[in-house]
């Protein structure tokens, strides 16, 4: 193996260049991973286009990408589960392991987590990555690294379904049919929920939702989604409303759509997250409201769901670009939001 690798570096927002770096040395508890596929996430696009997401601001050159999978090519002497040749997916957050949140199993809330591609930490758009074995998960026979990379967004959908306490017999609305919205749809269906409505502004996404199994879809540019859902539910609303769109309008619509005694889960974050919200109506319906920040303790079950063919996560992929085409992939995604749902980068090309 050579001692140099290619890395996609964003020196500043809107720019991307392929540079060479040394292949990282692994610690005793780490494995060296040859990265094979990386999903292009909405957060990557925000950093590339705007240089920030809320309080996370890009101040220095950074390597993006956190939805990744690949093959183990070297294992540290203290590793126990993984061997050279294993195909794995990487959970992108490395928690401290000692704070109260880590010790109570809520490690996604760890204030000292090192999360790939979140400033100041570099991400996975690199040929090789040194990573702690305990945050790597082996892929079962027959599961490839495209599916492995997509376990990350699927885990967000699983966590949203968990936060909603979704169960058989519930009815649901998912606002936003992008990657996370579609992953949430899959998670709800895997839990046995048969009646799921979806709303978005882009027909391609809605067609994908219908293909996956949504009961009905609504283009909010053409119809009033709230009125349409109310018609479909005899004016009652639904048990679960999950907002993955992350806009002020969709967040405000959640309280209109939810049934009395139902639940709201906020997944997407609005660009301006301070806005008016009808708490009076929320209280009159005695609705529970919950939120999502990444995920926790989900990778194993998400891998099992995909590996057992319960979920076909590849359905969300619309485009694939080679590693050397990464800038074109970013630009294409930003300029063609109505033509793509999920882009995956093939790191071997």
Protein backbone atom coordinates (compact mmCIF):
# COMPACT_ATOMS: atom_id res chain seq x y z
CA UNK A 1 0.00 0.00 0.00
CA UNK A 2 1.31 3.46 -0.86
CA UNK A 3 1.83 6.03 1.89
CA UNK A 4 -0.24 8.77 0.22
CA UNK A 5 -3.97 9.08 -0.40
CA UNK A 6 -6.34 11.40 -2.21
CA UNK A 7 -8.60 13.65 -0.16
CA UNK A 8 -11.38 16.03 -1.26
CA UNK A 9 -10.72 19.26 0.61
CA UNK A 10 -13.11 22.22 0.78
CA UNK A 11 -10.70 25.17 1.24
CA UNK A 12 -13.66 27.55 1.47
CA UNK A 13 -17.39 27.39 0.70
CA UNK A 14 -18.12 26.77 -2.97
CA UNK A 15 -14.68 25.33 -3.71
CA UNK A 16 -13.45 21.74 -3.74
CA UNK A 17 -10.05 20.35 -4.64
CA UNK A 18 -8.42 16.93 -4.66
CA UNK A 19 -5.19 16.96 -2.67
CA UNK A 20 -2.75 14.37 -1.32
CA UNK A 21 -2.25 13.56 2.33
CA UNK A 22 -0.43 10.88 4.23
CA UNK A 23 -2.45 7.74 4.88
CA UNK A 24 -3.26 7.98 8.60
CA UNK A 25 -1.58 5.79 11.17
CA UNK A 26 -3.99 3.77 13.31
CA UNK A 27 -4.06 3.58 17.11
CA UNK A 28 -4.23 0.24 18.88
CA UNK A 29 -8.05 0.41 19.12
CA UNK A 30 -8.57 1.55 15.54
CA UNK A 31 -8.92 0.06 12.08
CA UNK A 32 -7.77 1.55 8.80
CA UNK A 33 -10.67 1.67 6.37
CA UNK A 34 -10.47 1.91 2.58
CA UNK A 35 -13.53 4.08 2.02
CA UNK A 36 -15.64 2.80 -0.89
CA UNK A 37 -18.89 4.78 -0.85
CA UNK A 38 -20.00 8.02 0.79
CA UNK A 39 -23.46 9.55 0.67
CA UNK A 40 -23.78 13.25 -0.10
CA UNK A 41 -25.79 14.67 2.81
CA UNK A 42 -27.80 17.87 3.13
CA UNK A 43 -25.38 19.05 5.82
CA UNK A 44 -22.47 18.65 3.37
CA UNK A 45 -24.37 20.79 0.90
CA UNK A 46 -25.10 23.46 3.53
CA UNK A 47 -21.43 23.71 4.47
CA UNK A 48 -20.42 23.82 0.80
CA UNK A 49 -23.04 26.42 -0.16
CA UNK A 50 -23.31 28.57 2.98
CA UNK A 51 -20.32 27.68 5.15
CA UNK A 52 -22.40 26.99 8.22
CA UNK A 53 -25.28 25.14 9.83
CA UNK A 54 -26.63 27.08 12.78
CA UNK A 55 -23.77 27.52 15.25
CA UNK A 56 -21.48 25.10 13.36
CA UNK A 57 -19.34 27.41 11.20
CA UNK A 58 -16.59 26.46 8.74
CA UNK A 59 -13.59 28.58 9.68
CA UNK A 60 -10.79 26.48 8.19
CA UNK A 61 -10.42 24.12 5.21
CA UNK A 62 -12.39 20.94 5.88
CA UNK A 63 -13.02 17.48 4.46
CA UNK A 64 -16.76 16.82 4.21
CA UNK A 65 -18.73 13.55 4.13
CA UNK A 66 -20.04 11.46 7.03
CA UNK A 67 -22.25 8.76 5.46
CA UNK A 68 -19.54 6.21 4.75
CA UNK A 69 -18.69 2.54 4.36
CA UNK A 70 -15.66 0.61 3.21
CA UNK A 71 -13.26 -2.29 3.77
CA UNK A 72 -10.88 -2.89 6.66
CA UNK A 73 -7.28 -2.99 5.39
CA UNK A 74 -5.45 -2.88 8.72
CA UNK A 75 -6.45 -3.57 12.33
CA UNK A 76 -4.86 -2.28 15.54
CA UNK A 77 -3.45 -4.78 18.02
CA UNK A 78 -6.23 -4.20 20.56
CA UNK A 79 -9.11 -4.66 18.14
CA UNK A 80 -11.32 -7.69 18.78
CA UNK A 81 -14.31 -7.78 16.41
CA UNK A 82 -12.99 -6.76 13.00
CA UNK A 83 -10.47 -8.33 10.67
CA UNK A 84 -8.72 -7.27 7.50
CA UNK A 85 -11.13 -7.77 4.60
CA UNK A 86 -14.33 -7.06 6.58
CA UNK A 87 -16.80 -4.66 4.97
CA UNK A 88 -18.06 -2.12 7.47
CA UNK A 89 -20.08 1.03 7.94
CA UNK A 90 -18.86 3.83 10.17
CA UNK A 91 -21.10 5.57 12.70
CA UNK A 92 -19.78 9.12 12.28
CA UNK A 93 -19.87 10.35 15.87
CA UNK A 94 -17.15 9.45 18.36
CA UNK A 95 -18.54 10.27 21.83
CA UNK A 96 -16.37 10.91 24.88
CA UNK A 97 -17.75 7.87 26.74
CA UNK A 98 -17.49 9.48 30.20
CA UNK A 99 -20.11 12.24 30.40
CA UNK A 100 -23.57 11.70 31.90
CA UNK A 101 -25.15 11.41 28.46
CA UNK A 102 -22.73 8.73 27.30
CA UNK A 103 -23.08 6.82 30.56
CA UNK A 104 -26.88 6.82 30.28
CA UNK A 105 -26.84 5.62 26.67
CA UNK A 106 -27.74 9.00 25.16
CA UNK A 107 -24.38 9.48 23.52
CA UNK A 108 -25.86 11.51 20.64
CA UNK A 109 -26.17 14.33 23.20
CA UNK A 110 -22.51 14.13 24.24
CA UNK A 111 -21.20 17.72 24.26
CA UNK A 112 -17.70 16.55 23.35
CA UNK A 113 -18.59 14.24 20.45
CA UNK A 114 -16.21 14.27 17.49
CA UNK A 115 -18.53 14.07 14.50
CA UNK A 116 -17.18 13.52 11.00
CA UNK A 117 -17.44 16.56 8.70
CA UNK A 118 -18.69 18.84 11.47
CA UNK A 119 -16.25 21.72 12.09
CA UNK A 120 -13.51 21.40 13.17
CA UNK A 121 -13.41 17.66 12.36
CA UNK A 122 -12.60 16.29 8.91
CA UNK A 123 -14.93 13.78 7.27
CA UNK A 124 -14.91 10.75 5.01
CA UNK A 125 -14.26 12.12 1.51
CA UNK A 126 -10.82 10.51 1.68
CA UNK A 127 -9.45 7.25 0.34
CA UNK A 128 -8.55 6.01 3.83
CA UNK A 129 -9.82 6.71 7.33
CA UNK A 130 -8.48 5.59 10.71
CA UNK A 131 -11.44 4.94 12.98
CA UNK A 132 -12.22 3.42 16.41
CA UNK A 133 -13.34 -0.19 16.11
CA UNK A 134 -16.22 0.33 18.55
CA UNK A 135 -17.90 2.81 16.18
CA UNK A 136 -17.56 0.49 13.16
CA UNK A 137 -20.18 -2.12 12.27
CA UNK A 138 -19.59 -5.16 10.11
CA UNK A 139 -21.91 -5.57 7.13
CA UNK A 140 -23.57 -8.97 6.72
CA UNK A 141 -22.98 -11.20 3.72
CA UNK A 142 -24.70 -9.81 0.64
CA UNK A 143 -24.87 -6.22 1.86
CA UNK A 144 -22.70 -3.78 -0.09
CA UNK A 145 -21.03 -0.52 0.84
CA UNK A 146 -23.64 1.63 -0.93
CA UNK A 147 -26.19 0.24 1.52
CA UNK A 148 -23.61 0.54 4.29
CA UNK A 149 -23.13 4.25 3.64
CA UNK A 150 -26.90 4.81 3.70
CA UNK A 151 -27.27 3.28 7.18
CA UNK A 152 -26.49 6.76 8.52
CA UNK A 153 -29.55 8.59 7.10
CA UNK A 154 -31.67 5.48 7.73
CA UNK A 155 -30.68 5.70 11.39
CA UNK A 156 -32.08 9.23 11.55
CA UNK A 157 -35.38 7.84 10.22
CA UNK A 158 -35.29 5.03 12.78
CA UNK A 159 -34.65 7.52 15.59
CA UNK A 160 -37.56 9.67 14.40
CA UNK A 161 -39.84 6.62 14.50
CA UNK A 162 -38.52 5.78 17.98
CA UNK A 163 -39.12 9.32 19.20
CA UNK A 164 -42.69 9.08 17.87
CA UNK A 165 -43.16 5.71 19.60
CA UNK A 166 -44.63 4.53 16.29
CA UNK A 167 -46.68 1.34 16.47
CA UNK A 168 -48.95 -0.82 14.35
CA UNK A 169 -52.29 0.87 13.76
CA UNK A 170 -50.96 4.43 13.90
CA UNK A 171 -51.52 6.87 11.07
CA UNK A 172 -48.76 9.28 10.09
CA UNK A 173 -47.77 12.30 8.02
CA UNK A 174 -44.15 12.93 7.03
CA UNK A 175 -43.47 16.49 5.92
CA UNK A 176 -40.57 16.54 3.49
CA UNK A 177 -39.75 13.70 1.09
CA UNK A 178 -36.02 14.18 0.81
CA UNK A 179 -33.52 11.56 1.93
CA UNK A 180 -34.44 11.77 5.64
CA UNK A 181 -38.16 11.94 4.92
CA UNK A 182 -37.95 8.81 2.78
CA UNK A 183 -35.84 7.06 5.41
CA UNK A 184 -38.49 7.95 7.97
CA UNK A 185 -41.18 6.54 5.70
CA UNK A 186 -39.22 3.28 5.46
CA UNK A 187 -38.78 3.17 9.25
CA UNK A 188 -42.50 3.69 9.84
CA UNK A 189 -43.44 1.02 7.33
CA UNK A 190 -40.96 -1.40 8.92
CA UNK A 191 -42.83 -0.87 12.19
CA UNK A 192 -46.05 -1.98 10.51
CA UNK A 193 -47.63 1.43 9.89
CA UNK A 194 -49.69 1.17 6.72
CA UNK A 195 -51.20 4.67 6.47
CA UNK A 196 -48.45 7.24 5.82
CA UNK A 197 -49.04 10.49 3.93
CA UNK A 198 -46.18 12.59 2.55
CA UNK A 199 -45.92 16.22 1.47
CA UNK A 200 -43.14 17.99 -0.41
CA UNK A 201 -42.60 20.62 -3.10
CA UNK A 202 -40.80 18.38 -5.61
CA UNK A 203 -42.60 15.76 -7.70
CA UNK A 204 -39.52 13.53 -8.10
CA UNK A 205 -39.33 13.08 -4.34
CA UNK A 206 -43.06 12.46 -4.05
CA UNK A 207 -42.94 9.89 -6.83
CA UNK A 208 -40.13 8.15 -4.94
CA UNK A 209 -42.27 8.20 -1.77
CA UNK A 210 -45.16 6.64 -3.66
CA UNK A 211 -42.82 4.00 -5.10
CA UNK A 212 -41.62 3.11 -1.59
CA UNK A 213 -45.17 2.78 -0.32
CA UNK A 214 -46.67 6.06 0.89
CA UNK A 215 -50.47 5.93 1.09
CA UNK A 216 -50.85 9.28 -0.65
CA UNK A 217 -48.55 12.16 -1.56
CA UNK A 218 -49.23 15.88 -1.86
CA UNK A 219 -47.29 18.57 -3.70
CA UNK A 220 -47.64 21.56 -1.38
CA UNK A 221 -47.11 23.92 -4.33
CA UNK A 222 -50.28 22.61 -5.95
CA UNK A 223 -52.59 21.68 -3.07
CA UNK A 224 -53.09 22.55 0.57
CA UNK A 225 -51.50 19.54 2.24
CA UNK A 226 -53.27 20.14 5.55
CA UNK A 227 -56.68 20.24 3.88
CA UNK A 228 -55.92 17.12 1.84
CA UNK A 229 -54.82 15.11 4.89
CA UNK A 230 -57.91 16.23 6.78
CA UNK A 231 -60.08 14.99 3.92
CA UNK A 232 -58.30 11.63 3.98
CA UNK A 233 -58.75 11.28 7.76
CA UNK A 234 -62.36 12.51 8.07
CA UNK A 235 -61.19 15.71 9.71
CA UNK A 236 -59.41 13.90 12.56
CA UNK A 237 -55.78 14.34 11.57
CA UNK A 238 -53.14 11.67 12.16
CA UNK A 239 -51.55 10.06 15.20
CA UNK A 240 -48.00 11.01 14.24
CA UNK A 241 -46.65 14.07 12.42
CA UNK A 242 -42.94 14.02 11.63
CA UNK A 243 -41.39 17.14 10.12
CA UNK A 244 -38.20 16.36 8.21
CA UNK A 245 -38.42 19.39 5.91
CA UNK A 246 -37.03 21.79 8.47
CA UNK A 247 -38.98 24.88 7.45
CA UNK A 248 -40.98 27.36 9.50
CA UNK A 249 -44.10 26.57 7.47
CA UNK A 250 -43.95 22.80 7.92
CA UNK A 251 -43.17 23.12 11.64
CA UNK A 252 -46.23 25.32 12.05
CA UNK A 253 -48.37 22.85 10.07
CA UNK A 254 -47.61 19.99 12.46
CA UNK A 255 -50.09 21.23 15.05
CA UNK A 256 -52.81 21.50 12.39
CA UNK A 257 -52.23 17.95 11.15
CA UNK A 258 -51.91 16.07 14.42
CA UNK A 259 -54.84 14.25 15.94
CA UNK A 260 -56.01 14.90 19.49
CA UNK A 261 -53.70 13.00 21.82
CA UNK A 262 -51.17 12.48 19.02
CA UNK A 263 -47.45 13.11 18.74
CA UNK A 264 -45.26 15.55 16.81
CA UNK A 265 -41.58 14.90 16.08
CA UNK A 266 -39.35 17.68 14.75
CA UNK A 267 -36.40 16.33 12.76
CA UNK A 268 -35.41 19.04 10.28
CA UNK A 269 -34.18 22.39 11.59
CA UNK A 270 -35.38 25.63 10.01
CA UNK A 271 -32.77 28.10 8.76
CA UNK A 272 -34.37 30.62 11.12
CA UNK A 273 -35.52 28.38 13.99
CA UNK A 274 -37.30 31.11 15.98
CA UNK A 275 -40.91 31.57 14.82
CA UNK A 276 -44.53 31.68 16.00
CA UNK A 277 -46.12 28.38 17.01
CA UNK A 278 -49.71 27.69 18.14
CA UNK A 279 -49.14 26.25 21.60
CA UNK A 280 -52.76 26.92 22.47
CA UNK A 281 -53.94 24.43 19.88
CA UNK A 282 -51.16 22.04 20.90
CA UNK A 283 -52.34 22.09 24.52
CA UNK A 284 -56.01 21.84 23.61
CA UNK A 285 -55.20 18.62 21.74
CA UNK A 286 -52.92 17.39 24.56
CA UNK A 287 -50.24 16.61 22.00
CA UNK A 288 -46.75 15.37 22.87
CA UNK A 289 -43.91 17.05 21.00
CA UNK A 290 -40.45 15.53 20.65
CA UNK A 291 -37.27 16.29 18.74
CA UNK A 292 -34.44 14.45 17.01
CA UNK A 293 -30.72 15.11 17.20
CA UNK A 294 -28.89 12.53 15.09
CA UNK A 295 -29.50 9.05 16.62
CA UNK A 296 -28.24 6.59 19.21
CA UNK A 297 -27.89 2.81 19.53
CA UNK A 298 -29.53 2.25 16.14
CA UNK A 299 -26.87 1.08 13.67
CA UNK A 300 -27.18 -2.65 14.51
CA UNK A 301 -30.97 -2.75 14.01
CA UNK A 302 -30.79 -0.60 10.87
CA UNK A 303 -28.16 -2.93 9.40
CA UNK A 304 -30.34 -5.95 10.22
CA UNK A 305 -33.35 -4.32 8.55
CA UNK A 306 -31.40 -3.71 5.33
CA UNK A 307 -29.47 -6.99 5.43
CA UNK A 308 -32.68 -9.01 5.84
CA UNK A 309 -34.36 -7.17 2.92
CA UNK A 310 -36.97 -5.63 5.22
CA UNK A 311 -35.86 -2.25 3.88
CA UNK A 312 -34.50 -1.53 0.39
CA UNK A 313 -32.49 1.57 1.22
CA UNK A 314 -31.02 1.79 -2.29
CA UNK A 315 -34.41 2.99 -3.52
CA UNK A 316 -33.54 6.52 -2.43
CA UNK A 317 -30.39 6.73 -4.61
CA UNK A 318 -30.94 8.67 -7.82
CA UNK A 319 -27.37 9.53 -8.89
CA UNK A 320 -23.81 8.26 -8.49
CA UNK A 321 -20.63 10.28 -9.10
CA UNK A 322 -17.00 9.21 -9.01
CA UNK A 323 -14.64 10.57 -6.35
CA UNK A 324 -12.79 12.73 -8.86
CA UNK A 325 -16.14 14.22 -9.90
CA UNK A 326 -16.99 15.32 -6.38
CA UNK A 327 -17.18 19.05 -7.10
CA UNK A 328 -19.50 18.33 -10.02
CA UNK A 329 -21.64 16.24 -7.66
CA UNK A 330 -21.99 19.10 -5.16
CA UNK A 331 -22.75 21.65 -7.88
CA UNK A 332 -25.22 19.32 -9.59
CA UNK A 333 -27.09 18.68 -6.35
CA UNK A 334 -27.38 22.38 -5.54
CA UNK A 335 -28.42 23.36 -9.06
CA UNK A 336 -30.80 20.44 -9.66
CA UNK A 337 -32.73 19.93 -6.44
CA UNK A 338 -35.80 18.97 -8.45
CA UNK A 339 -33.91 16.26 -10.36
CA UNK A 340 -32.17 14.33 -7.59
CA UNK A 341 -33.00 12.79 -4.24
CA UNK A 342 -29.78 11.16 -3.08
CA UNK A 343 -26.29 11.25 -4.55
CA UNK A 344 -23.68 8.66 -3.63
CA UNK A 345 -19.96 9.14 -4.27
CA UNK A 346 -18.11 6.05 -5.53
CA UNK A 347 -14.69 6.48 -3.94
CA UNK A 348 -13.14 3.88 -6.26
CA UNK A 349 -13.69 6.03 -9.35
